[in-house]
Amino acid sequence: MTNRQRLSATVEAALLKAGQRAVAEGRAKNLSAWVNDALARQAEHDRRLKALDDFFREYEAEHGVITEEEIRSARRYYRSRTVRVGAPAEKPGARRKRGAA
C-alpha cells in the first residue's frame, strides 16, 4: 500500500509548464512526482524557518533583543571577510564594450 492521496489543485499556468518541461527533459518521472518534490522542499523550508525563529526567540530571551547596530556590525564584519571568486560583477546599468567577452 502506498501512503499517497489524490488531490485537485489550481496552479499558475507558468508553473504547470515548468513542471511539464521538467518531465519532458527527464528531470522528473511525471508531473505528480515533480509536484511532490516541490511540496517536500517547501515543507523542509518551512521547518527550517520555524527552527530559526525558535532559535532567535530563545537567544533573545536569554541575551536580550538583537539591536539594529549589532546587525549592522555583524554585516560589516562578514562583508569584510568575503572572498570574491571569478569575474567581478558588473555594476547595474554598465555597458559592455563591443567585442568584450
Protein backbone atom coordinates (compact mmCIF):
# COMPACT_ATOMS: atom_id res chain seq x y z
CA MET A 1 0.00 0.00 0.00
CA THR A 2 1.16 3.50 -0.75
CA ASN A 3 0.75 6.43 1.58
CA ARG A 4 -0.42 8.84 -1.11
CA GLN A 5 -3.61 10.79 -1.61
CA ARG A 6 -5.09 12.22 -4.76
CA LEU A 7 -5.71 15.96 -4.80
CA SER A 8 -7.06 18.60 -7.10
CA ALA A 9 -5.24 21.92 -7.19
CA THR A 10 -5.31 25.08 -9.24
CA VAL A 11 -1.83 26.32 -10.18
CA GLU A 12 -0.39 29.14 -12.22
CA ALA A 13 -0.02 28.25 -15.90
CA ALA A 14 3.70 29.08 -15.90
CA LEU A 15 4.31 26.67 -13.01
CA LEU A 16 2.40 23.92 -14.78
CA LYS A 17 4.51 24.47 -17.90
CA ALA A 18 7.69 24.35 -15.81
CA GLY A 19 6.61 21.00 -14.38
CA GLN A 20 5.72 19.62 -17.79
CA ARG A 21 9.10 20.82 -19.12
CA ALA A 22 10.88 19.05 -16.24
CA VAL A 23 9.10 15.82 -17.16
CA ALA A 24 9.83 16.23 -20.88
CA GLU A 25 13.53 16.84 -20.11
CA GLY A 26 13.70 13.78 -17.87
CA ARG A 27 14.24 15.75 -14.65
CA ALA A 28 11.06 14.29 -13.15
CA LYS A 29 9.34 10.94 -13.59
CA ASN A 30 5.94 12.58 -14.03
CA LEU A 31 4.09 15.75 -13.03
CA SER A 32 2.90 14.21 -9.77
CA ALA A 33 6.49 13.40 -8.79
CA TRP A 34 7.59 16.94 -9.68
CA VAL A 35 4.82 18.47 -7.56
CA ASN A 36 5.53 16.05 -4.71
CA ASP A 37 9.22 17.04 -4.74
CA ALA A 38 8.27 20.74 -4.72
CA LEU A 39 5.93 20.22 -1.76
CA ALA A 40 8.65 18.30 0.10
CA ARG A 41 11.13 21.14 -0.48
CA GLN A 42 8.59 23.70 0.76
CA ALA A 43 7.83 21.62 3.86
CA GLU A 44 11.57 21.39 4.64
CA HIS A 45 11.99 25.12 4.03
CA ASP A 46 9.11 25.87 6.41
CA ARG A 47 10.59 23.53 9.05
CA ARG A 48 13.96 25.28 8.85
CA LEU A 49 12.41 28.74 9.10
CA LYS A 50 10.49 27.67 12.20
CA ALA A 51 13.68 26.29 13.74
CA LEU A 52 15.44 29.59 13.01
CA ASP A 53 12.56 31.56 14.56
CA ASP A 54 12.71 29.30 17.63
CA PHE A 55 16.49 29.81 17.89
CA PHE A 56 16.21 33.62 17.77
CA ARG A 57 13.33 33.61 20.25
CA GLU A 58 15.38 31.54 22.72
CA TYR A 59 18.55 33.59 22.11
CA GLU A 60 16.77 36.89 22.67
CA ALA A 61 15.01 35.56 25.77
CA GLU A 62 18.42 34.77 27.26
CA HIS A 63 20.57 37.63 25.88
CA GLY A 64 18.12 40.39 25.02
CA VAL A 65 16.80 41.67 21.71
CA ILE A 66 19.33 41.86 18.89
CA THR A 67 19.73 45.54 18.02
CA GLU A 68 19.97 47.14 14.58
CA GLU A 69 23.54 48.22 15.44
CA GLU A 70 24.51 44.61 16.25
CA ILE A 71 23.07 43.52 12.91
CA ARG A 72 24.97 46.28 11.04
CA SER A 73 28.17 45.40 12.89
CA ALA A 74 27.85 41.70 12.02
CA ARG A 75 27.07 42.58 8.40
CA ARG A 76 30.20 44.79 8.18
CA TYR A 77 32.33 42.08 9.78
CA TYR A 78 31.22 39.31 7.44
CA ARG A 79 31.36 41.50 4.35
CA SER A 80 34.96 42.40 5.22
CA ARG A 81 35.81 38.67 5.28
CA THR A 82 34.16 37.92 1.94
CA VAL A 83 36.39 36.44 -0.74
CA ARG A 84 35.23 37.10 -4.28
CA VAL A 85 35.65 34.27 -6.76
CA GLY A 86 35.50 34.71 -10.51
CA ALA A 87 34.99 37.83 -12.56
CA PRO A 88 33.79 40.93 -10.73
CA ALA A 89 30.09 41.61 -11.06
CA GLU A 90 29.09 44.35 -13.47
CA LYS A 91 27.63 47.49 -11.99
CA PRO A 92 23.90 47.91 -12.69
CA GLY A 93 23.42 49.85 -15.91
CA ALA A 94 27.04 49.36 -17.00
CA ARG A 95 27.58 48.87 -20.73
CA ARG A 96 29.93 46.28 -22.18
CA LYS A 97 32.38 47.31 -24.88
CA ARG A 98 31.85 45.74 -28.27
CA GLY A 99 33.85 42.57 -28.68
CA ALA A 100 34.28 42.15 -24.92
CA ALA A 101 33.67 38.64 -23.63
